[in-house]
């Protein structure tokens, strides 16, 4: 087995958000997400629950009911399935690195 580092291999050019599955099976998906100034234009309406933590950087999630949650390093949130949400802001100066667990 070989270890990996969640902060390694960050692309220099981040024209779009990057979604990288780290582990995926029929029950759970764990992915690294990298943002830098991106916003989501449409609503996510996921069939599974999502637990997400910001490991580096900061961002704002907005929900369909117009409530917003600012997430900074170390902050996490559990989003129930079909709770429509989107990224309304991510730090344009620094990478925001998320760890998301879909279950």
PDB file of N, CA and C in Angstrom:
ATOM      1  N   UNK A   1       0.842  -1.181   0.000  1.00  0.00           N
ATOM      2  CA  UNK A   1       0.000   0.000   0.000  1.00  0.00           C
ATOM      3  C   UNK A   1       0.886   1.243   0.000  1.00  0.00           C
ATOM      4  N   UNK A   2       0.389   2.253  -0.664  1.00  0.00           N
ATOM      5  CA  UNK A   2       1.116   3.513  -0.747  1.00  0.00           C
ATOM      6  C   UNK A   2       0.235   4.624  -0.196  1.00  0.00           C
ATOM      7  N   UNK A   3       0.796   5.443   0.673  1.00  0.00           N
ATOM      8  CA  UNK A   3       0.016   6.571   1.201  1.00  0.00           C
ATOM      9  C   UNK A   3      -0.018   7.706   0.188  1.00  0.00           C
ATOM     10  N   UNK A   4      -1.003   8.554   0.334  1.00  0.00           N
ATOM     11  CA  UNK A   4      -1.147   9.727  -0.511  1.00  0.00           C
ATOM     12  C   UNK A   4      -1.400  10.925   0.387  1.00  0.00           C
ATOM     13  N   UNK A   5      -1.258  12.124  -0.177  1.00  0.00           N
ATOM     14  CA  UNK A   5      -1.475  13.342   0.589  1.00  0.00           C
ATOM     15  C   UNK A   5      -2.589  14.147  -0.063  1.00  0.00           C
ATOM     16  N   UNK A   6      -3.580  14.532   0.718  1.00  0.00           N
ATOM     17  CA  UNK A   6      -4.756  15.248   0.206  1.00  0.00           C
ATOM     18  C   UNK A   6      -4.378  16.608  -0.387  1.00  0.00           C
ATOM     19  N   UNK A   7      -3.225  17.170   0.026  1.00  0.00           N
ATOM     20  CA  UNK A   7      -2.800  18.481  -0.444  1.00  0.00           C
ATOM     21  C   UNK A   7      -1.799  18.409  -1.592  1.00  0.00           C
ATOM     22  N   UNK A   8      -1.506  17.221  -2.082  1.00  0.00           N
ATOM     23  CA  UNK A   8      -0.536  17.102  -3.174  1.00  0.00           C
ATOM     24  C   UNK A   8      -1.231  17.151  -4.531  1.00  0.00           C
ATOM     25  N   UNK A   9      -0.451  17.418  -5.540  1.00  0.00           N
ATOM     26  CA  UNK A   9      -0.913  17.432  -6.932  1.00  0.00           C
ATOM     27  C   UNK A   9      -2.077  18.400  -7.152  1.00  0.00           C
ATOM     28  N   UNK A  10      -1.947  19.594  -6.598  1.00  0.00           N
ATOM     29  CA  UNK A  10      -2.943  20.639  -6.827  1.00  0.00           C
ATOM     30  C   UNK A  10      -2.578  21.330  -8.142  1.00  0.00           C
ATOM     31  N   UNK A  11      -3.455  21.305  -9.129  1.00  0.00           N
ATOM     32  CA  UNK A  11      -3.140  21.963 -10.399  1.00  0.00           C
ATOM     33  C   UNK A  11      -2.952  23.469 -10.218  1.00  0.00           C
ATOM     34  N   UNK A  12      -2.039  24.040 -10.985  1.00  0.00           N
ATOM     35  CA  UNK A  12      -1.795  25.488 -10.927  1.00  0.00           C
ATOM     36  C   UNK A  12      -2.946  26.257 -11.567  1.00  0.00           C
ATOM     37  N   UNK A  13      -3.490  25.710 -12.650  1.00  0.00           N
ATOM     38  CA  UNK A  13      -4.553  26.383 -13.393  1.00  0.00           C
ATOM     39  C   UNK A  13      -5.889  25.752 -13.011  1.00  0.00           C
ATOM     40  N   UNK A  14      -6.703  26.514 -12.315  1.00  0.00           N
ATOM     41  CA  UNK A  14      -8.000  25.998 -11.869  1.00  0.00           C
ATOM     42  C   UNK A  14      -9.124  26.789 -12.527  1.00  0.00           C
ATOM     43  N   UNK A  15      -9.326  26.559 -13.820  1.00  0.00           N
ATOM     44  CA  UNK A  15     -10.386  27.241 -14.550  1.00  0.00           C
ATOM     45  C   UNK A  15     -11.768  26.718 -14.176  1.00  0.00           C
ATOM     46  N   UNK A  16     -11.808  25.511 -13.613  1.00  0.00           N
ATOM     47  CA  UNK A  16     -13.075  24.921 -13.193  1.00  0.00           C
ATOM     48  C   UNK A  16     -12.829  24.101 -11.926  1.00  0.00           C
ATOM     49  N   UNK A  17     -13.892  23.832 -11.220  1.00  0.00           N
ATOM     50  CA  UNK A  17     -13.800  23.016 -10.017  1.00  0.00           C
ATOM     51  C   UNK A  17     -13.371  21.602 -10.395  1.00  0.00           C
ATOM     52  N   UNK A  18     -12.573  20.995  -9.532  1.00  0.00           N
ATOM     53  CA  UNK A  18     -12.084  19.631  -9.790  1.00  0.00           C
ATOM     54  C   UNK A  18     -12.714  18.687  -8.761  1.00  0.00           C
ATOM     55  N   UNK A  19     -13.279  17.601  -9.250  1.00  0.00           N
ATOM     56  CA  UNK A  19     -13.865  16.556  -8.411  1.00  0.00           C
ATOM     57  C   UNK A  19     -13.058  15.284  -8.630  1.00  0.00           C
ATOM     58  N   UNK A  20     -12.392  14.795  -7.584  1.00  0.00           N
ATOM     59  CA  UNK A  20     -11.550  13.609  -7.690  1.00  0.00           C
ATOM     60  C   UNK A  20     -12.019  12.530  -6.721  1.00  0.00           C
ATOM     61  N   UNK A  21     -12.642  11.460  -7.233  1.00  0.00           N
ATOM     62  CA  UNK A  21     -13.015  10.361  -6.339  1.00  0.00           C
ATOM     63  C   UNK A  21     -11.764   9.704  -5.755  1.00  0.00           C
ATOM     64  N   UNK A  22     -11.744   9.541  -4.436  1.00  0.00           N
ATOM     65  CA  UNK A  22     -10.632   8.871  -3.764  1.00  0.00           C
ATOM     66  C   UNK A  22     -10.985   7.419  -3.478  1.00  0.00           C
ATOM     67  N   UNK A  23     -12.230   7.203  -3.079  1.00  0.00           N
ATOM     68  CA  UNK A  23     -12.761   5.858  -2.829  1.00  0.00           C
ATOM     69  C   UNK A  23     -14.209   5.864  -3.309  1.00  0.00           C
ATOM     70  N   UNK A  24     -14.582   4.804  -4.012  1.00  0.00           N
ATOM     71  CA  UNK A  24     -15.954   4.745  -4.502  1.00  0.00           C
ATOM     72  C   UNK A  24     -16.407   3.294  -4.546  1.00  0.00           C
ATOM     73  N   UNK A  25     -17.590   3.037  -3.954  1.00  0.00           N
ATOM     74  CA  UNK A  25     -18.230   1.729  -4.082  1.00  0.00           C
ATOM     75  C   UNK A  25     -19.735   1.946  -4.077  1.00  0.00           C
ATOM     76  N   UNK A  26     -20.500   0.899  -3.935  1.00  0.00           N
ATOM     77  CA  UNK A  26     -21.965   1.018  -3.985  1.00  0.00           C
ATOM     78  C   UNK A  26     -22.560   1.732  -2.781  1.00  0.00           C
ATOM     79  N   UNK A  27     -21.784   1.858  -1.697  1.00  0.00           N
ATOM     80  CA  UNK A  27     -22.309   2.418  -0.452  1.00  0.00           C
ATOM     81  C   UNK A  27     -21.827   3.848  -0.211  1.00  0.00           C
ATOM     82  N   UNK A  28     -20.561   4.110  -0.502  1.00  0.00           N
ATOM     83  CA  UNK A  28     -19.964   5.398  -0.152  1.00  0.00           C
ATOM     84  C   UNK A  28     -19.035   5.883  -1.266  1.00  0.00           C
ATOM     85  N   UNK A  29     -18.981   7.192  -1.411  1.00  0.00           N
ATOM     86  CA  UNK A  29     -17.996   7.829  -2.285  1.00  0.00           C
ATOM     87  C   UNK A  29     -17.307   8.906  -1.471  1.00  0.00           C
ATOM     88  N   UNK A  30     -15.987   8.869  -1.465  1.00  0.00           N
ATOM     89  CA  UNK A  30     -15.190   9.901  -0.811  1.00  0.00           C
ATOM     90  C   UNK A  30     -14.432  10.617  -1.918  1.00  0.00           C
ATOM     91  N   UNK A  31     -14.575  11.949  -1.959  1.00  0.00           N
ATOM     92  CA  UNK A  31     -13.922  12.686  -3.030  1.00  0.00           C
ATOM     93  C   UNK A  31     -13.257  13.948  -2.506  1.00  0.00           C
ATOM     94  N   UNK A  32     -12.193  14.329  -3.226  1.00  0.00           N
ATOM     95  CA  UNK A  32     -11.539  15.609  -2.987  1.00  0.00           C
ATOM     96  C   UNK A  32     -12.095  16.579  -4.022  1.00  0.00           C
ATOM     97  N   UNK A  33     -12.470  17.755  -3.554  1.00  0.00           N
ATOM     98  CA  UNK A  33     -12.957  18.808  -4.444  1.00  0.00           C
ATOM     99  C   UNK A  33     -12.019  20.000  -4.275  1.00  0.00           C
ATOM    100  N   UNK A  34     -11.619  20.583  -5.396  1.00  0.00           N
ATOM    101  CA  UNK A  34     -10.742  21.754  -5.358  1.00  0.00           C
ATOM    102  C   UNK A  34     -11.443  22.897  -6.087  1.00  0.00           C
ATOM    103  N   UNK A  35     -11.598  24.016  -5.398  1.00  0.00           N
ATOM    104  CA  UNK A  35     -12.246  25.205  -5.955  1.00  0.00           C
ATOM    105  C   UNK A  35     -11.285  26.378  -5.843  1.00  0.00           C
ATOM    106  N   UNK A  36     -11.439  27.332  -6.738  1.00  0.00           N
ATOM    107  CA  UNK A  36     -10.700  28.593  -6.630  1.00  0.00           C
ATOM    108  C   UNK A  36     -11.499  29.653  -7.376  1.00  0.00           C
ATOM    109  N   UNK A  37     -12.421  30.280  -6.646  1.00  0.00           N
ATOM    110  CA  UNK A  37     -13.234  31.336  -7.217  1.00  0.00           C
ATOM    111  C   UNK A  37     -14.458  30.860  -7.980  1.00  0.00           C
ATOM    112  N   UNK A  38     -14.684  29.552  -8.026  1.00  0.00           N
ATOM    113  CA  UNK A  38     -15.841  29.049  -8.767  1.00  0.00           C
ATOM    114  C   UNK A  38     -17.127  29.181  -7.965  1.00  0.00           C
ATOM    115  N   UNK A  39     -18.214  29.269  -8.710  1.00  0.00           N
ATOM    116  CA  UNK A  39     -19.559  29.224  -8.168  1.00  0.00           C
ATOM    117  C   UNK A  39     -20.328  28.193  -8.973  1.00  0.00           C
ATOM    118  N   UNK A  40     -21.285  27.554  -8.332  1.00  0.00           N
ATOM    119  CA  UNK A  40     -22.118  26.587  -9.031  1.00  0.00           C
ATOM    120  C   UNK A  40     -23.319  27.312  -9.616  1.00  0.00           C
ATOM    121  N   UNK A  41     -23.542  27.152 -10.906  1.00  0.00           N
ATOM    122  CA  UNK A  41     -24.643  27.879 -11.546  1.00  0.00           C
ATOM    123  C   UNK A  41     -26.000  27.192 -11.354  1.00  0.00           C
ATOM    124  N   UNK A  42     -25.995  25.873 -11.185  1.00  0.00           N
ATOM    125  CA  UNK A  42     -27.257  25.162 -10.991  1.00  0.00           C
ATOM    126  C   UNK A  42     -27.264  24.481  -9.617  1.00  0.00           C
ATOM    127  N   UNK A  43     -28.429  24.044  -9.204  1.00  0.00           N
ATOM    128  CA  UNK A  43     -28.586  23.422  -7.885  1.00  0.00           C
ATOM    129  C   UNK A  43     -28.153  21.959  -7.932  1.00  0.00           C
ATOM    130  N   UNK A  44     -27.422  21.534  -6.912  1.00  0.00           N
ATOM    131  CA  UNK A  44     -27.166  20.107  -6.721  1.00  0.00           C
ATOM    132  C   UNK A  44     -28.398  19.516  -6.045  1.00  0.00           C
ATOM    133  N   UNK A  45     -28.904  18.426  -6.595  1.00  0.00           N
ATOM    134  CA  UNK A  45     -30.024  17.693  -6.008  1.00  0.00           C
ATOM    135  C   UNK A  45     -29.596  16.237  -5.989  1.00  0.00           C
ATOM    136  N   UNK A  46     -28.910  15.848  -4.925  1.00  0.00           N
ATOM    137  CA  UNK A  46     -28.234  14.557  -4.870  1.00  0.00           C
ATOM    138  C   UNK A  46     -29.125  13.479  -4.257  1.00  0.00           C
ATOM    139  N   UNK A  47     -28.956  12.274  -4.736  1.00  0.00           N
ATOM    140  CA  UNK A  47     -29.756  11.149  -4.241  1.00  0.00           C
ATOM    141  C   UNK A  47     -29.212  10.571  -2.934  1.00  0.00           C
ATOM    142  N   UNK A  48     -27.981  10.942  -2.572  1.00  0.00           N
ATOM    143  CA  UNK A  48     -27.389  10.453  -1.325  1.00  0.00           C
ATOM    144  C   UNK A  48     -27.069  11.633  -0.409  1.00  0.00           C
ATOM    145  N   UNK A  49     -26.965  11.346   0.881  1.00  0.00           N
ATOM    146  CA  UNK A  49     -26.516  12.355   1.842  1.00  0.00           C
ATOM    147  C   UNK A  49     -25.068  12.716   1.517  1.00  0.00           C
ATOM    148  N   UNK A  50     -24.675  13.939   1.913  1.00  0.00           N
ATOM    149  CA  UNK A  50     -23.287  14.371   1.712  1.00  0.00           C
ATOM    150  C   UNK A  50     -22.783  15.043   2.980  1.00  0.00           C
ATOM    151  N   UNK A  51     -21.675  14.525   3.496  1.00  0.00           N
ATOM    152  CA  UNK A  51     -20.965  15.159   4.598  1.00  0.00           C
ATOM    153  C   UNK A  51     -19.731  15.785   3.983  1.00  0.00           C
ATOM    154  N   UNK A  52     -19.506  17.085   4.230  1.00  0.00           N
ATOM    155  CA  UNK A  52     -18.387  17.775   3.597  1.00  0.00           C
ATOM    156  C   UNK A  52     -17.661  18.634   4.634  1.00  0.00           C
ATOM    157  N   UNK A  53     -16.324  18.661   4.526  1.00  0.00           N
ATOM    158  CA  UNK A  53     -15.484  19.486   5.388  1.00  0.00           C
ATOM    159  C   UNK A  53     -14.535  20.291   4.506  1.00  0.00           C
ATOM    160  N   UNK A  54     -14.306  21.537   4.895  1.00  0.00           N
ATOM    161  CA  UNK A  54     -13.304  22.363   4.216  1.00  0.00           C
ATOM    162  C   UNK A  54     -11.980  22.153   4.946  1.00  0.00           C
ATOM    163  N   UNK A  55     -11.007  21.613   4.230  1.00  0.00           N
ATOM    164  CA  UNK A  55      -9.696  21.361   4.815  1.00  0.00           C
ATOM    165  C   UNK A  55      -8.781  22.571   4.682  1.00  0.00           C
ATOM    166  N   UNK A  56      -8.992  23.345   3.618  1.00  0.00           N
ATOM    167  CA  UNK A  56      -8.161  24.526   3.349  1.00  0.00           C
ATOM    168  C   UNK A  56      -9.020  25.529   2.591  1.00  0.00           C
ATOM    169  N   UNK A  57      -8.882  26.814   2.920  1.00  0.00           N
ATOM    170  CA  UNK A  57      -9.618  27.844   2.202  1.00  0.00           C
ATOM    171  C   UNK A  57     -10.961  28.133   2.845  1.00  0.00           C
ATOM    172  N   UNK A  58     -11.865  28.698   2.036  1.00  0.00           N
ATOM    173  CA  UNK A  58     -13.213  28.978   2.525  1.00  0.00           C
ATOM    174  C   UNK A  58     -14.176  29.117   1.360  1.00  0.00           C
ATOM    175  N   UNK A  59     -15.453  28.915   1.672  1.00  0.00           N
ATOM    176  CA  UNK A  59     -16.498  28.959   0.652  1.00  0.00           C
ATOM    177  C   UNK A  59     -17.838  29.215   1.325  1.00  0.00           C
ATOM    178  N   UNK A  60     -18.838  29.494   0.497  1.00  0.00           N
ATOM    179  CA  UNK A  60     -20.200  29.687   0.991  1.00  0.00           C
ATOM    180  C   UNK A  60     -21.126  28.750   0.226  1.00  0.00           C
ATOM    181  N   UNK A  61     -21.914  27.987   0.964  1.00  0.00           N
ATOM    182  CA  UNK A  61     -22.963  27.152   0.383  1.00  0.00           C
ATOM    183  C   UNK A  61     -24.291  27.876   0.561  1.00  0.00           C
ATOM    184  N   UNK A  62     -25.092  27.891  -0.487  1.00  0.00           N
ATOM    185  CA  UNK A  62     -26.429  28.460  -0.410  1.00  0.00           C
ATOM    186  C   UNK A  62     -27.429  27.362  -0.725  1.00  0.00           C
ATOM    187  N   UNK A  63     -28.509  27.338   0.043  1.00  0.00           N
ATOM    188  CA  UNK A  63     -29.544  26.335  -0.125  1.00  0.00           C
ATOM    189  C   UNK A  63     -30.739  26.944  -0.840  1.00  0.00           C
ATOM    190  N   UNK A  64     -31.591  26.085  -1.388  1.00  0.00           N
ATOM    191  CA  UNK A  64     -32.726  26.537  -2.191  1.00  0.00           C
ATOM    192  C   UNK A  64     -33.641  27.492  -1.418  1.00  0.00           C
ATOM    193  N   UNK A  65     -33.708  27.336  -0.100  1.00  0.00           N
ATOM    194  CA  UNK A  65     -34.542  28.241   0.709  1.00  0.00           C
ATOM    195  C   UNK A  65     -33.841  29.581   0.975  1.00  0.00           C
ATOM    196  N   UNK A  66     -32.697  29.802   0.319  1.00  0.00           N
ATOM    197  CA  UNK A  66     -31.903  31.033   0.377  1.00  0.00           C
ATOM    198  C   UNK A  66     -31.089  31.189   1.657  1.00  0.00           C
ATOM    199  N   UNK A  67     -31.038  30.171   2.520  1.00  0.00           N
ATOM    200  CA  UNK A  67     -30.123  30.234   3.650  1.00  0.00           C
ATOM    201  C   UNK A  67     -28.719  29.944   3.138  1.00  0.00           C
ATOM    202  N   UNK A  68     -27.733  30.552   3.775  1.00  0.00           N
ATOM    203  CA  UNK A  68     -26.336  30.366   3.377  1.00  0.00           C
ATOM    204  C   UNK A  68     -25.510  29.967   4.582  1.00  0.00           C
ATOM    205  N   UNK A  69     -24.460  29.197   4.319  1.00  0.00           N
ATOM    206  CA  UNK A  69     -23.537  28.766   5.356  1.00  0.00           C
ATOM    207  C   UNK A  69     -22.129  29.050   4.870  1.00  0.00           C
ATOM    208  N   UNK A  70     -21.380  29.844   5.656  1.00  0.00           N
ATOM    209  CA  UNK A  70     -19.982  30.079   5.326  1.00  0.00           C
ATOM    210  C   UNK A  70     -19.147  28.994   5.985  1.00  0.00           C
ATOM    211  N   UNK A  71     -18.275  28.390   5.203  1.00  0.00           N
ATOM    212  CA  UNK A  71     -17.410  27.334   5.704  1.00  0.00           C
ATOM    213  C   UNK A  71     -15.956  27.791   5.602  1.00  0.00           C
ATOM    214  N   UNK A  72     -15.255  27.716   6.727  1.00  0.00           N
ATOM    215  CA  UNK A  72     -13.825  28.028   6.772  1.00  0.00           C
ATOM    216  C   UNK A  72     -13.084  26.743   7.132  1.00  0.00           C
ATOM    217  N   UNK A  73     -11.771  26.813   7.135  1.00  0.00           N
ATOM    218  CA  UNK A  73     -10.965  25.626   7.424  1.00  0.00           C
ATOM    219  C   UNK A  73     -11.442  24.937   8.689  1.00  0.00           C
ATOM    220  N   UNK A  74     -11.718  23.647   8.559  1.00  0.00           N
ATOM    221  CA  UNK A  74     -12.166  22.846   9.692  1.00  0.00           C
ATOM    222  C   UNK A  74     -13.675  22.759   9.850  1.00  0.00           C
ATOM    223  N   UNK A  75     -14.412  23.620   9.167  1.00  0.00           N
ATOM    224  CA  UNK A  75     -15.872  23.588   9.264  1.00  0.00           C
ATOM    225  C   UNK A  75     -16.440  22.463   8.401  1.00  0.00           C
ATOM    226  N   UNK A  76     -17.467  21.798   8.923  1.00  0.00           N
ATOM    227  CA  UNK A  76     -18.122  20.736   8.152  1.00  0.00           C
ATOM    228  C   UNK A  76     -19.626  20.857   8.290  1.00  0.00           C
ATOM    229  N   UNK A  77     -20.304  20.192   7.353  1.00  0.00           N
ATOM    230  CA  UNK A  77     -21.769  20.216   7.332  1.00  0.00           C
ATOM    231  C   UNK A  77     -22.260  18.899   6.748  1.00  0.00           C
ATOM    232  N   UNK A  78     -23.404  18.458   7.230  1.00  0.00           N
ATOM    233  CA  UNK A  78     -24.058  17.278   6.675  1.00  0.00           C
ATOM    234  C   UNK A  78     -25.272  17.752   5.877  1.00  0.00           C
ATOM    235  N   UNK A  79     -25.320  17.393   4.610  1.00  0.00           N
ATOM    236  CA  UNK A  79     -26.396  17.829   3.730  1.00  0.00           C
ATOM    237  C   UNK A  79     -27.260  16.614   3.392  1.00  0.00           C
ATOM    238  N   UNK A  80     -28.523  16.610   3.834  1.00  0.00           N
ATOM    239  CA  UNK A  80     -29.397  15.472   3.525  1.00  0.00           C
ATOM    240  C   UNK A  80     -29.632  15.333   2.022  1.00  0.00           C
ATOM    241  N   UNK A  81     -29.929  14.125   1.603  1.00  0.00           N
ATOM    242  CA  UNK A  81     -30.238  13.894   0.188  1.00  0.00           C
ATOM    243  C   UNK A  81     -31.399  14.786  -0.237  1.00  0.00           C
ATOM    244  N   UNK A  82     -31.343  15.222  -1.476  1.00  0.00           N
ATOM    245  CA  UNK A  82     -32.360  16.075  -2.100  1.00  0.00           C
ATOM    246  C   UNK A  82     -32.507  17.456  -1.462  1.00  0.00           C
ATOM    247  N   UNK A  83     -31.571  17.846  -0.600  1.00  0.00           N
ATOM    248  CA  UNK A  83     -31.535  19.223  -0.082  1.00  0.00           C
ATOM    249  C   UNK A  83     -30.757  20.036  -1.123  1.00  0.00           C
ATOM    250  N   UNK A  84     -31.483  20.765  -1.945  1.00  0.00           N
ATOM    251  CA  UNK A  84     -30.850  21.482  -3.060  1.00  0.00           C
ATOM    252  C   UNK A  84     -29.910  22.559  -2.535  1.00  0.00           C
ATOM    253  N   UNK A  85     -28.686  22.558  -3.103  1.00  0.00           N
ATOM    254  CA  UNK A  85     -27.666  23.499  -2.664  1.00  0.00           C
ATOM    255  C   UNK A  85     -26.696  23.790  -3.808  1.00  0.00           C
ATOM    256  N   UNK A  86     -25.915  24.832  -3.613  1.00  0.00           N
ATOM    257  CA  UNK A  86     -24.883  25.176  -4.583  1.00  0.00           C
ATOM    258  C   UNK A  86     -23.787  25.957  -3.877  1.00  0.00           C
ATOM    259  N   UNK A  87     -22.624  26.026  -4.508  1.00  0.00           N
ATOM    260  CA  UNK A  87     -21.530  26.857  -4.017  1.00  0.00           C
ATOM    261  C   UNK A  87     -21.777  28.254  -4.571  1.00  0.00           C
ATOM    262  N   UNK A  88     -22.053  29.209  -3.700  1.00  0.00           N
ATOM    263  CA  UNK A  88     -22.321  30.568  -4.158  1.00  0.00           C
ATOM    264  C   UNK A  88     -21.065  31.438  -4.142  1.00  0.00           C
ATOM    265  N   UNK A  89     -20.003  30.971  -3.468  1.00  0.00           N
ATOM    266  CA  UNK A  89     -18.730  31.698  -3.447  1.00  0.00           C
ATOM    267  C   UNK A  89     -17.631  30.759  -2.984  1.00  0.00           C
ATOM    268  N   UNK A  90     -16.482  30.845  -3.612  1.00  0.00           N
ATOM    269  CA  UNK A  90     -15.260  30.219  -3.093  1.00  0.00           C
ATOM    270  C   UNK A  90     -14.129  31.214  -3.269  1.00  0.00           C
ATOM    271  N   UNK A  91     -13.170  31.147  -2.393  1.00  0.00           N
ATOM    272  CA  UNK A  91     -12.061  32.101  -2.343  1.00  0.00           C
ATOM    273  C   UNK A  91     -11.373  32.203  -3.707  1.00  0.00           C
ATOM    274  N   UNK A  92     -11.365  33.385  -4.322  1.00  0.00           N
ATOM    275  CA  UNK A  92     -10.741  33.522  -5.638  1.00  0.00           C
ATOM    276  C   UNK A  92      -9.213  33.627  -5.587  1.00  0.00           C
ATOM    277  N   UNK A  93      -8.670  33.877  -4.407  1.00  0.00           N
ATOM    278  CA  UNK A  93      -7.214  34.064  -4.268  1.00  0.00           C
ATOM    279  C   UNK A  93      -6.474  32.785  -3.889  1.00  0.00           C
ATOM    280  N   UNK A  94      -7.155  31.882  -3.207  1.00  0.00           N
ATOM    281  CA  UNK A  94      -6.524  30.657  -2.700  1.00  0.00           C
ATOM    282  C   UNK A  94      -7.413  29.454  -2.988  1.00  0.00           C
ATOM    283  N   UNK A  95      -6.786  28.302  -3.120  1.00  0.00           N
ATOM    284  CA  UNK A  95      -7.547  27.079  -3.337  1.00  0.00           C
ATOM    285  C   UNK A  95      -8.374  26.748  -2.102  1.00  0.00           C
ATOM    286  N   UNK A  96      -9.575  26.271  -2.351  1.00  0.00           N
ATOM    287  CA  UNK A  96     -10.393  25.692  -1.291  1.00  0.00           C
ATOM    288  C   UNK A  96     -10.398  24.193  -1.544  1.00  0.00           C
ATOM    289  N   UNK A  97      -9.958  23.444  -0.555  1.00  0.00           N
ATOM    290  CA  UNK A  97      -9.902  21.989  -0.675  1.00  0.00           C
ATOM    291  C   UNK A  97     -10.936  21.401   0.266  1.00  0.00           C
ATOM    292  N   UNK A  98     -11.852  20.652  -0.335  1.00  0.00           N
ATOM    293  CA  UNK A  98     -12.954  20.022   0.372  1.00  0.00           C
ATOM    294  C   UNK A  98     -12.724  18.510   0.419  1.00  0.00           C
ATOM    295  N   UNK A  99     -13.235  17.866   1.447  1.00  0.00           N
ATOM    296  CA  UNK A  99     -13.346  16.419   1.478  1.00  0.00           C
ATOM    297  C   UNK A  99     -14.828  16.120   1.628  1.00  0.00           C
ATOM    298  N   UNK A 100     -15.384  15.420   0.651  1.00  0.00           N
ATOM    299  CA  UNK A 100     -16.814  15.125   0.654  1.00  0.00           C
ATOM    300  C   UNK A 100     -17.025  13.624   0.741  1.00  0.00           C
ATOM    301  N   UNK A 101     -17.964  13.244   1.587  1.00  0.00           N
ATOM    302  CA  UNK A 101     -18.344  11.842   1.725  1.00  0.00           C
ATOM    303  C   UNK A 101     -19.818  11.739   1.375  1.00  0.00           C
ATOM    304  N   UNK A 102     -20.110  11.001   0.309  1.00  0.00           N
ATOM    305  CA  UNK A 102     -21.486  10.766  -0.128  1.00  0.00           C
ATOM    306  C   UNK A 102     -21.881   9.373   0.366  1.00  0.00           C
ATOM    307  N   UNK A 103     -22.998   9.303   1.095  1.00  0.00           N
ATOM    308  CA  UNK A 103     -23.413   8.024   1.677  1.00  0.00           C
ATOM    309  C   UNK A 103     -24.918   7.852   1.617  1.00  0.00           C
TER     310      UNK A 103
END
